[in-house]
């Protein structure tokens, strides 16, 4: 990231991505028979229903300050899902888990597509709008792929559970209380590799939006 304007764009893109991520978890669970999110008032795009003071506000701000604007991440309040009410709990939990990251990846694609259309219509005269679409696409790609990492409580852990036996799944979820520390350890040890792996994707988005 560079200017504070770009940081603001990324914050807005992250906020949109977090809200829609959780909304889609609840929407898919609702369609598959679990109405827990609906009953909790979470099937809404009203941001106030999804804000987590720690994950949506404090963590992003702390990361921005500590990294001097070079790194940001966060999460919204997790949507409640009760596998007991799902029609096919094992399969449906997989679908619910995948819906969030896939939503972010689709958002990344759409922001990139909107950026392309704006460039074709307005060119360099709309550079500020192009910057927003790039930043929003950038952070949603990160959000989508990061959530697929198989560390509880990230969505990738539920994907792994689908392929485990009940006893193995129970043992696997035993690390969930340490998930946040494990995520921090992952970022400290492999964060650089993670971003290098994603660099080609960012390059495609950049060329798509800016035509370079």
C-alpha atoms as a PDB file:
ATOM      1  CA  UNK A   1       0.000   0.000   0.000  1.00  0.00           C
ATOM      2  CA  UNK A   2       1.067   3.564  -0.540  1.00  0.00           C
ATOM      3  CA  UNK A   3      -0.971   6.690   0.235  1.00  0.00           C
ATOM      4  CA  UNK A   4      -3.581   7.047   2.927  1.00  0.00           C
ATOM      5  CA  UNK A   5      -6.151   7.287   0.143  1.00  0.00           C
ATOM      6  CA  UNK A   6      -5.224   3.769  -0.972  1.00  0.00           C
ATOM      7  CA  UNK A   7      -5.382   2.589   2.643  1.00  0.00           C
ATOM      8  CA  UNK A   8      -8.888   4.043   2.899  1.00  0.00           C
ATOM      9  CA  UNK A   9      -9.885   2.221  -0.292  1.00  0.00           C
ATOM     10  CA  UNK A  10      -8.577  -1.051   1.113  1.00  0.00           C
ATOM     11  CA  UNK A  11     -10.404  -0.499   4.408  1.00  0.00           C
ATOM     12  CA  UNK A  12     -13.668   0.080   2.506  1.00  0.00           C
ATOM     13  CA  UNK A  13     -13.054  -2.998   0.328  1.00  0.00           C
ATOM     14  CA  UNK A  14     -12.250  -5.069   3.412  1.00  0.00           C
ATOM     15  CA  UNK A  15     -15.398  -3.871   5.171  1.00  0.00           C
ATOM     16  CA  UNK A  16     -17.568  -4.785   2.171  1.00  0.00           C
ATOM     17  CA  UNK A  17     -15.867  -8.156   1.888  1.00  0.00           C
ATOM     18  CA  UNK A  18     -16.238  -9.034   5.572  1.00  0.00           C
ATOM     19  CA  UNK A  19     -19.942  -8.147   5.661  1.00  0.00           C
ATOM     20  CA  UNK A  20     -20.828 -10.084   2.499  1.00  0.00           C
ATOM     21  CA  UNK A  21     -18.636 -12.996   3.610  1.00  0.00           C
ATOM     22  CA  UNK A  22     -20.669 -13.500   6.780  1.00  0.00           C
ATOM     23  CA  UNK A  23     -23.969 -12.692   5.095  1.00  0.00           C
ATOM     24  CA  UNK A  24     -23.424 -15.477   2.553  1.00  0.00           C
ATOM     25  CA  UNK A  25     -22.551 -17.968   5.290  1.00  0.00           C
ATOM     26  CA  UNK A  26     -25.937 -17.251   6.828  1.00  0.00           C
ATOM     27  CA  UNK A  27     -27.788 -17.156   3.502  1.00  0.00           C
ATOM     28  CA  UNK A  28     -26.472 -20.552   2.370  1.00  0.00           C
ATOM     29  CA  UNK A  29     -27.105 -22.122   5.782  1.00  0.00           C
ATOM     30  CA  UNK A  30     -30.657 -20.741   5.681  1.00  0.00           C
ATOM     31  CA  UNK A  31     -31.222 -22.230   2.226  1.00  0.00           C
ATOM     32  CA  UNK A  32     -29.965 -25.598   3.485  1.00  0.00           C
ATOM     33  CA  UNK A  33     -32.371 -25.739   6.420  1.00  0.00           C
ATOM     34  CA  UNK A  34     -30.616 -23.935   9.280  1.00  0.00           C
ATOM     35  CA  UNK A  35     -32.493 -20.732  10.134  1.00  0.00           C
ATOM     36  CA  UNK A  36     -30.312 -19.816  13.124  1.00  0.00           C
ATOM     37  CA  UNK A  37     -28.818 -16.783  11.382  1.00  0.00           C
ATOM     38  CA  UNK A  38     -32.267 -15.601  10.272  1.00  0.00           C
ATOM     39  CA  UNK A  39     -33.627 -15.921  13.810  1.00  0.00           C
ATOM     40  CA  UNK A  40     -30.613 -13.997  15.130  1.00  0.00           C
ATOM     41  CA  UNK A  41     -31.262 -11.139  12.714  1.00  0.00           C
ATOM     42  CA  UNK A  42     -28.079 -11.792  10.742  1.00  0.00           C
ATOM     43  CA  UNK A  43     -29.601 -12.260   7.283  1.00  0.00           C
ATOM     44  CA  UNK A  44     -29.167  -8.588   6.556  1.00  0.00           C
ATOM     45  CA  UNK A  45     -26.670  -6.375   4.773  1.00  0.00           C
ATOM     46  CA  UNK A  46     -26.899  -3.830   7.576  1.00  0.00           C
ATOM     47  CA  UNK A  47     -23.247  -3.515   8.687  1.00  0.00           C
ATOM     48  CA  UNK A  48     -24.238  -2.922  12.304  1.00  0.00           C
ATOM     49  CA  UNK A  49     -25.498  -6.513  12.555  1.00  0.00           C
ATOM     50  CA  UNK A  50     -22.105  -7.911  11.553  1.00  0.00           C
ATOM     51  CA  UNK A  51     -19.559  -5.630  13.222  1.00  0.00           C
ATOM     52  CA  UNK A  52     -17.297  -7.298  15.766  1.00  0.00           C
ATOM     53  CA  UNK A  53     -15.565  -4.603  17.861  1.00  0.00           C
ATOM     54  CA  UNK A  54     -12.359  -6.660  18.043  1.00  0.00           C
ATOM     55  CA  UNK A  55     -12.148  -8.187  14.570  1.00  0.00           C
ATOM     56  CA  UNK A  56     -13.816  -5.452  12.518  1.00  0.00           C
ATOM     57  CA  UNK A  57     -12.355  -2.388  14.212  1.00  0.00           C
ATOM     58  CA  UNK A  58      -9.488  -3.008  16.662  1.00  0.00           C
ATOM     59  CA  UNK A  59      -7.495  -5.604  14.689  1.00  0.00           C
ATOM     60  CA  UNK A  60      -7.542  -3.708  11.364  1.00  0.00           C
ATOM     61  CA  UNK A  61      -6.574  -0.444  13.094  1.00  0.00           C
ATOM     62  CA  UNK A  62      -3.827  -2.128  15.114  1.00  0.00           C
ATOM     63  CA  UNK A  63      -2.383  -3.811  12.027  1.00  0.00           C
ATOM     64  CA  UNK A  64      -2.441  -0.534  10.127  1.00  0.00           C
ATOM     65  CA  UNK A  65      -0.571   1.228  12.925  1.00  0.00           C
ATOM     66  CA  UNK A  66       1.953  -1.548  13.595  1.00  0.00           C
ATOM     67  CA  UNK A  67       2.698  -2.114   9.904  1.00  0.00           C
ATOM     68  CA  UNK A  68       2.616   1.648   9.124  1.00  0.00           C
ATOM     69  CA  UNK A  69      -0.092   1.126   6.554  1.00  0.00           C
ATOM     70  CA  UNK A  70       1.492  -1.847   4.779  1.00  0.00           C
ATOM     71  CA  UNK A  71      -0.774  -4.625   6.106  1.00  0.00           C
ATOM     72  CA  UNK A  72      -4.403  -4.969   7.138  1.00  0.00           C
ATOM     73  CA  UNK A  73      -6.766  -7.807   7.933  1.00  0.00           C
ATOM     74  CA  UNK A  74      -9.931  -8.311   9.926  1.00  0.00           C
ATOM     75  CA  UNK A  75     -13.156 -10.225  10.276  1.00  0.00           C
ATOM     76  CA  UNK A  76     -16.826  -9.610  10.976  1.00  0.00           C
ATOM     77  CA  UNK A  77     -18.886 -11.201  13.740  1.00  0.00           C
ATOM     78  CA  UNK A  78     -19.231 -14.899  12.792  1.00  0.00           C
ATOM     79  CA  UNK A  79     -22.723 -15.855  11.664  1.00  0.00           C
ATOM     80  CA  UNK A  80     -24.213 -18.576  13.926  1.00  0.00           C
ATOM     81  CA  UNK A  81     -24.663 -21.917  12.179  1.00  0.00           C
ATOM     82  CA  UNK A  82     -26.139 -25.039  13.814  1.00  0.00           C
ATOM     83  CA  UNK A  83     -25.247 -28.208  11.854  1.00  0.00           C
ATOM     84  CA  UNK A  84     -28.083 -30.056  13.643  1.00  0.00           C
ATOM     85  CA  UNK A  85     -30.648 -28.215  11.507  1.00  0.00           C
ATOM     86  CA  UNK A  86     -28.880 -28.739   8.190  1.00  0.00           C
ATOM     87  CA  UNK A  87     -30.450 -31.341   5.905  1.00  0.00           C
ATOM     88  CA  UNK A  88     -27.130 -33.091   5.261  1.00  0.00           C
ATOM     89  CA  UNK A  89     -24.843 -31.739   7.997  1.00  0.00           C
ATOM     90  CA  UNK A  90     -21.537 -33.062   6.675  1.00  0.00           C
ATOM     91  CA  UNK A  91     -22.033 -31.894   3.092  1.00  0.00           C
ATOM     92  CA  UNK A  92     -23.893 -28.720   3.981  1.00  0.00           C
ATOM     93  CA  UNK A  93     -21.248 -27.500   6.453  1.00  0.00           C
ATOM     94  CA  UNK A  94     -18.754 -27.778   3.609  1.00  0.00           C
ATOM     95  CA  UNK A  95     -20.997 -25.642   1.388  1.00  0.00           C
ATOM     96  CA  UNK A  96     -21.578 -23.092   4.140  1.00  0.00           C
ATOM     97  CA  UNK A  97     -17.854 -22.857   4.826  1.00  0.00           C
ATOM     98  CA  UNK A  98     -16.954 -22.415   1.151  1.00  0.00           C
ATOM     99  CA  UNK A  99     -19.615 -19.761   0.569  1.00  0.00           C
ATOM    100  CA  UNK A 100     -17.700 -17.072   2.461  1.00  0.00           C
ATOM    101  CA  UNK A 101     -14.297 -17.342   0.722  1.00  0.00           C
ATOM    102  CA  UNK A 102     -15.946 -17.855  -2.659  1.00  0.00           C
ATOM    103  CA  UNK A 103     -17.955 -14.679  -2.104  1.00  0.00           C
ATOM    104  CA  UNK A 104     -14.716 -12.755  -1.562  1.00  0.00           C
ATOM    105  CA  UNK A 105     -13.104 -14.255  -4.656  1.00  0.00           C
ATOM    106  CA  UNK A 106     -16.181 -13.382  -6.733  1.00  0.00           C
ATOM    107  CA  UNK A 107     -16.057  -9.849  -5.301  1.00  0.00           C
ATOM    108  CA  UNK A 108     -12.394  -9.648  -6.285  1.00  0.00           C
ATOM    109  CA  UNK A 109     -13.310 -10.652  -9.834  1.00  0.00           C
ATOM    110  CA  UNK A 110     -16.225  -8.188  -9.983  1.00  0.00           C
ATOM    111  CA  UNK A 111     -14.169  -5.276  -8.666  1.00  0.00           C
ATOM    112  CA  UNK A 112     -11.551  -6.093 -11.285  1.00  0.00           C
ATOM    113  CA  UNK A 113     -14.210  -6.252 -13.992  1.00  0.00           C
ATOM    114  CA  UNK A 114     -15.736  -2.938 -12.889  1.00  0.00           C
ATOM    115  CA  UNK A 115     -12.268  -1.410 -12.984  1.00  0.00           C
ATOM    116  CA  UNK A 116     -11.785  -2.653 -16.540  1.00  0.00           C
ATOM    117  CA  UNK A 117     -15.125  -1.187 -17.629  1.00  0.00           C
ATOM    118  CA  UNK A 118     -14.358   2.171 -15.967  1.00  0.00           C
ATOM    119  CA  UNK A 119     -10.963   2.297 -17.710  1.00  0.00           C
ATOM    120  CA  UNK A 120     -12.526   1.533 -21.075  1.00  0.00           C
ATOM    121  CA  UNK A 121     -15.157   4.219 -20.594  1.00  0.00           C
ATOM    122  CA  UNK A 122     -13.275   6.965 -18.760  1.00  0.00           C
ATOM    123  CA  UNK A 123      -9.607   6.107 -19.022  1.00  0.00           C
ATOM    124  CA  UNK A 124      -7.046   7.919 -16.885  1.00  0.00           C
ATOM    125  CA  UNK A 125      -9.521  10.685 -16.016  1.00  0.00           C
ATOM    126  CA  UNK A 126     -11.101   8.298 -13.504  1.00  0.00           C
ATOM    127  CA  UNK A 127      -7.838   7.124 -11.934  1.00  0.00           C
ATOM    128  CA  UNK A 128      -9.231   7.538  -8.411  1.00  0.00           C
ATOM    129  CA  UNK A 129     -12.054   5.123  -9.173  1.00  0.00           C
ATOM    130  CA  UNK A 130      -9.602   2.705 -10.786  1.00  0.00           C
ATOM    131  CA  UNK A 131      -7.483   2.814  -7.634  1.00  0.00           C
ATOM    132  CA  UNK A 132     -10.529   1.973  -5.510  1.00  0.00           C
ATOM    133  CA  UNK A 133     -11.487  -1.014  -7.660  1.00  0.00           C
ATOM    134  CA  UNK A 134      -7.926  -2.338  -7.593  1.00  0.00           C
ATOM    135  CA  UNK A 135      -7.614  -1.964  -3.811  1.00  0.00           C
ATOM    136  CA  UNK A 136     -11.031  -3.556  -3.220  1.00  0.00           C
ATOM    137  CA  UNK A 137     -10.190  -6.462  -5.548  1.00  0.00           C
ATOM    138  CA  UNK A 138      -6.771  -6.866  -3.906  1.00  0.00           C
ATOM    139  CA  UNK A 139      -8.088  -7.141  -0.342  1.00  0.00           C
ATOM    140  CA  UNK A 140     -10.973  -9.453  -1.268  1.00  0.00           C
ATOM    141  CA  UNK A 141      -8.626 -11.888  -3.006  1.00  0.00           C
ATOM    142  CA  UNK A 142      -6.505 -11.919   0.151  1.00  0.00           C
ATOM    143  CA  UNK A 143      -9.575 -12.351   2.351  1.00  0.00           C
ATOM    144  CA  UNK A 144     -10.944 -15.216   0.237  1.00  0.00           C
ATOM    145  CA  UNK A 145      -7.724 -17.222  -0.025  1.00  0.00           C
ATOM    146  CA  UNK A 146      -6.613 -16.528   3.546  1.00  0.00           C
ATOM    147  CA  UNK A 147      -9.888 -17.915   4.894  1.00  0.00           C
ATOM    148  CA  UNK A 148      -9.199 -21.190   3.075  1.00  0.00           C
ATOM    149  CA  UNK A 149      -6.125 -21.828   5.241  1.00  0.00           C
ATOM    150  CA  UNK A 150      -6.955 -24.954   7.302  1.00  0.00           C
ATOM    151  CA  UNK A 151      -6.556 -23.439  10.763  1.00  0.00           C
ATOM    152  CA  UNK A 152      -9.646 -23.403  13.012  1.00  0.00           C
ATOM    153  CA  UNK A 153     -11.765 -21.312  13.063  1.00  0.00           C
ATOM    154  CA  UNK A 154     -10.986 -20.259   9.466  1.00  0.00           C
ATOM    155  CA  UNK A 155     -13.317 -21.673   6.820  1.00  0.00           C
ATOM    156  CA  UNK A 156     -10.577 -23.919   5.469  1.00  0.00           C
ATOM    157  CA  UNK A 157     -10.773 -25.972   8.663  1.00  0.00           C
ATOM    158  CA  UNK A 158     -14.367 -26.962   7.854  1.00  0.00           C
ATOM    159  CA  UNK A 159     -13.257 -28.030   4.387  1.00  0.00           C
ATOM    160  CA  UNK A 160     -10.647 -30.305   5.988  1.00  0.00           C
ATOM    161  CA  UNK A 161     -13.264 -31.678   8.404  1.00  0.00           C
ATOM    162  CA  UNK A 162     -15.351 -32.890   5.481  1.00  0.00           C
ATOM    163  CA  UNK A 163     -12.621 -35.399   4.644  1.00  0.00           C
ATOM    164  CA  UNK A 164     -11.984 -36.538   8.238  1.00  0.00           C
ATOM    165  CA  UNK A 165     -13.661 -39.240  10.271  1.00  0.00           C
ATOM    166  CA  UNK A 166     -15.769 -38.020  13.236  1.00  0.00           C
ATOM    167  CA  UNK A 167     -13.050 -38.968  15.730  1.00  0.00           C
ATOM    168  CA  UNK A 168     -10.295 -37.331  13.678  1.00  0.00           C
ATOM    169  CA  UNK A 169     -12.470 -34.235  13.233  1.00  0.00           C
ATOM    170  CA  UNK A 170     -12.949 -33.994  16.996  1.00  0.00           C
ATOM    171  CA  UNK A 171      -9.195 -34.168  17.555  1.00  0.00           C
ATOM    172  CA  UNK A 172      -8.616 -31.602  14.831  1.00  0.00           C
ATOM    173  CA  UNK A 173     -11.072 -29.142  16.389  1.00  0.00           C
ATOM    174  CA  UNK A 174      -9.261 -29.483  19.707  1.00  0.00           C
ATOM    175  CA  UNK A 175      -6.751 -26.927  18.422  1.00  0.00           C
ATOM    176  CA  UNK A 176      -9.534 -24.361  17.849  1.00  0.00           C
ATOM    177  CA  UNK A 177      -8.920 -22.540  21.195  1.00  0.00           C
ATOM    178  CA  UNK A 178      -5.378 -21.841  19.984  1.00  0.00           C
ATOM    179  CA  UNK A 179      -6.499 -20.863  16.475  1.00  0.00           C
ATOM    180  CA  UNK A 180      -5.824 -17.149  16.815  1.00  0.00           C
ATOM    181  CA  UNK A 181      -2.281 -17.762  18.058  1.00  0.00           C
ATOM    182  CA  UNK A 182      -1.711 -20.276  15.256  1.00  0.00           C
ATOM    183  CA  UNK A 183      -2.917 -17.741  12.693  1.00  0.00           C
ATOM    184  CA  UNK A 184      -0.496 -15.136  14.066  1.00  0.00           C
ATOM    185  CA  UNK A 185       2.299 -17.720  13.966  1.00  0.00           C
ATOM    186  CA  UNK A 186       1.409 -18.558  10.376  1.00  0.00           C
ATOM    187  CA  UNK A 187       1.564 -14.903   9.382  1.00  0.00           C
ATOM    188  CA  UNK A 188       4.881 -14.424  11.168  1.00  0.00           C
ATOM    189  CA  UNK A 189       6.471 -17.517   9.595  1.00  0.00           C
ATOM    190  CA  UNK A 190       4.817 -17.748   6.202  1.00  0.00           C
ATOM    191  CA  UNK A 191       3.212 -14.351   5.577  1.00  0.00           C
ATOM    192  CA  UNK A 192       5.883 -13.393   3.070  1.00  0.00           C
ATOM    193  CA  UNK A 193       5.491 -16.653   1.159  1.00  0.00           C
ATOM    194  CA  UNK A 194       1.709 -16.246   1.215  1.00  0.00           C
ATOM    195  CA  UNK A 195       1.939 -12.852  -0.485  1.00  0.00           C
ATOM    196  CA  UNK A 196       4.542 -14.043  -2.989  1.00  0.00           C
ATOM    197  CA  UNK A 197       2.216 -16.850  -4.042  1.00  0.00           C
ATOM    198  CA  UNK A 198      -0.584 -14.307  -4.588  1.00  0.00           C
ATOM    199  CA  UNK A 199       1.601 -11.794  -6.447  1.00  0.00           C
ATOM    200  CA  UNK A 200       0.793 -13.214  -9.935  1.00  0.00           C
ATOM    201  CA  UNK A 201      -2.933 -12.843  -9.190  1.00  0.00           C
ATOM    202  CA  UNK A 202      -2.431  -9.235  -8.115  1.00  0.00           C
ATOM    203  CA  UNK A 203      -0.462  -8.666 -11.314  1.00  0.00           C
ATOM    204  CA  UNK A 204      -3.355  -9.919 -13.447  1.00  0.00           C
ATOM    205  CA  UNK A 205      -5.808  -7.665 -11.606  1.00  0.00           C
ATOM    206  CA  UNK A 206      -3.469  -4.693 -11.963  1.00  0.00           C
ATOM    207  CA  UNK A 207      -3.055  -5.170 -15.717  1.00  0.00           C
ATOM    208  CA  UNK A 208      -6.801  -5.734 -16.111  1.00  0.00           C
ATOM    209  CA  UNK A 209      -7.700  -2.473 -14.372  1.00  0.00           C
ATOM    210  CA  UNK A 210      -4.886  -0.198 -15.456  1.00  0.00           C
ATOM    211  CA  UNK A 211      -4.198  -1.719 -18.878  1.00  0.00           C
ATOM    212  CA  UNK A 212      -0.466  -1.959 -18.150  1.00  0.00           C
END
